[in-house]
Amino acid sequence: MSISEIKPGEQVKDVNFTEDTVSVDLLDGRTITVPLVWFPRLLHATSIQRKNWKICGGGYGLHWPDIDEDISTEGLLRGAPAPRKIMPHVA
């Protein structure tokens, strides 16, 4: 049994935003709240774009089609922010 094994209660129930956080409610009653700065696309999105989310990945993920952002409950539970883009070196 893996530590990162996905459990049925870790499926997404709802998503809410404040000015600087995103909160994901899980079916098991937990709520995960993380800073929006972890997800720059969501941070810079409009409120309309943020509200346009869909559950994906069998209920264990979220997708924002307007900004092409994806977040998994597994990543949120691990405390993993979005990967940073590596900027090419300019000579």
C-alpha atoms as a PDB file:
ATOM      1  CA  MET A   1       0.000   0.000   0.000  1.00  0.00           C
ATOM      2  CA  SER A   2       1.459   3.307  -1.112  1.00  0.00           C
ATOM      3  CA  ILE A   3       1.425   6.440   1.054  1.00  0.00           C
ATOM      4  CA  SER A   4       0.135   8.411  -1.931  1.00  0.00           C
ATOM      5  CA  GLU A   5      -2.692   5.938  -2.622  1.00  0.00           C
ATOM      6  CA  ILE A   6      -5.822   7.849  -3.569  1.00  0.00           C
ATOM      7  CA  LYS A   7      -8.820   7.298  -1.305  1.00  0.00           C
ATOM      8  CA  PRO A   8     -12.482   7.745  -2.345  1.00  0.00           C
ATOM      9  CA  GLY A   9     -13.075  10.507   0.240  1.00  0.00           C
ATOM     10  CA  GLU A  10     -10.361  12.615  -1.392  1.00  0.00           C
ATOM     11  CA  GLN A  11     -12.609  13.393  -4.340  1.00  0.00           C
ATOM     12  CA  VAL A  12     -13.554  17.026  -5.015  1.00  0.00           C
ATOM     13  CA  LYS A  13     -16.874  18.313  -3.740  1.00  0.00           C
ATOM     14  CA  ASP A  14     -16.537  22.086  -4.254  1.00  0.00           C
ATOM     15  CA  VAL A  15     -14.064  24.925  -4.859  1.00  0.00           C
ATOM     16  CA  ASN A  16     -14.061  28.413  -3.333  1.00  0.00           C
ATOM     17  CA  PHE A  17     -11.814  31.444  -3.606  1.00  0.00           C
ATOM     18  CA  THR A  18     -10.910  34.400  -1.441  1.00  0.00           C
ATOM     19  CA  GLU A  19      -8.779  37.292  -2.630  1.00  0.00           C
ATOM     20  CA  ASP A  20      -5.589  35.311  -1.989  1.00  0.00           C
ATOM     21  CA  THR A  21      -6.540  31.636  -1.410  1.00  0.00           C
ATOM     22  CA  VAL A  22      -8.204  28.688  -3.115  1.00  0.00           C
ATOM     23  CA  SER A  23     -10.082  26.166  -0.975  1.00  0.00           C
ATOM     24  CA  VAL A  24     -11.070  22.704  -2.158  1.00  0.00           C
ATOM     25  CA  ASP A  25     -13.748  20.836  -0.228  1.00  0.00           C
ATOM     26  CA  LEU A  26     -13.383  17.054  -0.297  1.00  0.00           C
ATOM     27  CA  LEU A  27     -16.144  14.462  -0.031  1.00  0.00           C
ATOM     28  CA  ASP A  28     -14.742  13.233   3.302  1.00  0.00           C
ATOM     29  CA  GLY A  29     -15.406  16.642   4.899  1.00  0.00           C
ATOM     30  CA  ARG A  30     -11.885  18.077   4.775  1.00  0.00           C
ATOM     31  CA  THR A  31     -11.121  21.430   3.186  1.00  0.00           C
ATOM     32  CA  ILE A  32      -7.685  22.158   1.742  1.00  0.00           C
ATOM     33  CA  THR A  33      -6.799  25.854   1.564  1.00  0.00           C
ATOM     34  CA  VAL A  34      -3.662  27.021  -0.202  1.00  0.00           C
ATOM     35  CA  PRO A  35      -2.350  30.415  -1.333  1.00  0.00           C
ATOM     36  CA  LEU A  36      -3.225  31.496  -4.857  1.00  0.00           C
ATOM     37  CA  VAL A  37       0.424  32.434  -5.444  1.00  0.00           C
ATOM     38  CA  TRP A  38       1.050  28.666  -5.682  1.00  0.00           C
ATOM     39  CA  PHE A  39      -0.946  28.705  -8.924  1.00  0.00           C
ATOM     40  CA  PRO A  40      -0.033  31.791 -10.981  1.00  0.00           C
ATOM     41  CA  ARG A  41      -2.638  31.106 -13.668  1.00  0.00           C
ATOM     42  CA  LEU A  42      -5.388  31.152 -11.050  1.00  0.00           C
ATOM     43  CA  LEU A  43      -3.834  34.144  -9.303  1.00  0.00           C
ATOM     44  CA  HIS A  44      -3.982  36.208 -12.503  1.00  0.00           C
ATOM     45  CA  ALA A  45      -7.333  34.854 -13.695  1.00  0.00           C
ATOM     46  CA  THR A  46     -10.535  36.856 -13.543  1.00  0.00           C
ATOM     47  CA  SER A  47     -13.254  35.834 -11.088  1.00  0.00           C
ATOM     48  CA  ILE A  48     -15.308  34.545 -14.034  1.00  0.00           C
ATOM     49  CA  GLN A  49     -12.395  32.375 -15.191  1.00  0.00           C
ATOM     50  CA  ARG A  50     -11.896  31.053 -11.642  1.00  0.00           C
ATOM     51  CA  LYS A  51     -15.564  30.123 -11.355  1.00  0.00           C
ATOM     52  CA  ASN A  52     -15.406  28.099 -14.590  1.00  0.00           C
ATOM     53  CA  TRP A  53     -13.917  24.898 -13.159  1.00  0.00           C
ATOM     54  CA  LYS A  54     -14.710  21.270 -13.826  1.00  0.00           C
ATOM     55  CA  ILE A  55     -14.061  18.111 -11.860  1.00  0.00           C
ATOM     56  CA  CYS A  56     -11.824  15.723 -13.803  1.00  0.00           C
ATOM     57  CA  GLY A  57      -9.574  12.734 -13.238  1.00  0.00           C
ATOM     58  CA  GLY A  58     -12.323  10.530 -11.836  1.00  0.00           C
ATOM     59  CA  GLY A  59     -13.164  13.176  -9.232  1.00  0.00           C
ATOM     60  CA  TYR A  60      -9.577  13.646  -8.004  1.00  0.00           C
ATOM     61  CA  GLY A  61      -8.703  16.648 -10.136  1.00  0.00           C
ATOM     62  CA  LEU A  62      -9.825  20.101 -11.159  1.00  0.00           C
ATOM     63  CA  HIS A  63      -9.555  21.758 -14.555  1.00  0.00           C
ATOM     64  CA  TRP A  64     -10.019  25.407 -15.509  1.00  0.00           C
ATOM     65  CA  PRO A  65     -10.502  25.368 -19.317  1.00  0.00           C
ATOM     66  CA  ASP A  66     -10.284  29.152 -19.755  1.00  0.00           C
ATOM     67  CA  ILE A  67      -6.744  29.277 -18.351  1.00  0.00           C
ATOM     68  CA  ASP A  68      -5.620  25.664 -18.980  1.00  0.00           C
ATOM     69  CA  GLU A  69      -4.898  24.971 -15.294  1.00  0.00           C
ATOM     70  CA  ASP A  70      -5.092  21.556 -13.646  1.00  0.00           C
ATOM     71  CA  ILE A  71      -4.802  20.698  -9.948  1.00  0.00           C
ATOM     72  CA  SER A  72      -5.066  17.286  -8.292  1.00  0.00           C
ATOM     73  CA  THR A  73      -6.269  16.573  -4.777  1.00  0.00           C
ATOM     74  CA  GLU A  74      -3.165  14.434  -4.324  1.00  0.00           C
ATOM     75  CA  GLY A  75      -0.931  17.445  -5.072  1.00  0.00           C
ATOM     76  CA  LEU A  76      -2.938  19.672  -2.739  1.00  0.00           C
ATOM     77  CA  LEU A  77      -2.724  17.127   0.072  1.00  0.00           C
ATOM     78  CA  ARG A  78       1.045  16.902  -0.432  1.00  0.00           C
ATOM     79  CA  GLY A  79       1.304  20.708  -0.362  1.00  0.00           C
ATOM     80  CA  ALA A  80       2.709  20.858  -3.894  1.00  0.00           C
ATOM     81  CA  PRO A  81       2.481  24.222  -5.689  1.00  0.00           C
ATOM     82  CA  ALA A  82       2.366  24.414  -9.486  1.00  0.00           C
ATOM     83  CA  PRO A  83       5.733  23.779 -11.155  1.00  0.00           C
ATOM     84  CA  ARG A  84       7.602  26.955 -12.039  1.00  0.00           C
ATOM     85  CA  LYS A  85       8.569  27.629 -15.634  1.00  0.00           C
ATOM     86  CA  ILE A  86      12.292  27.728 -16.202  1.00  0.00           C
ATOM     87  CA  MET A  87      13.231  30.844 -18.114  1.00  0.00           C
ATOM     88  CA  PRO A  88      15.762  30.383 -20.891  1.00  0.00           C
ATOM     89  CA  HIS A  89      19.122  32.014 -20.340  1.00  0.00           C
ATOM     90  CA  VAL A  90      19.545  35.132 -22.460  1.00  0.00           C
ATOM     91  CA  ALA A  91      23.106  35.985 -23.392  1.00  0.00           C
END
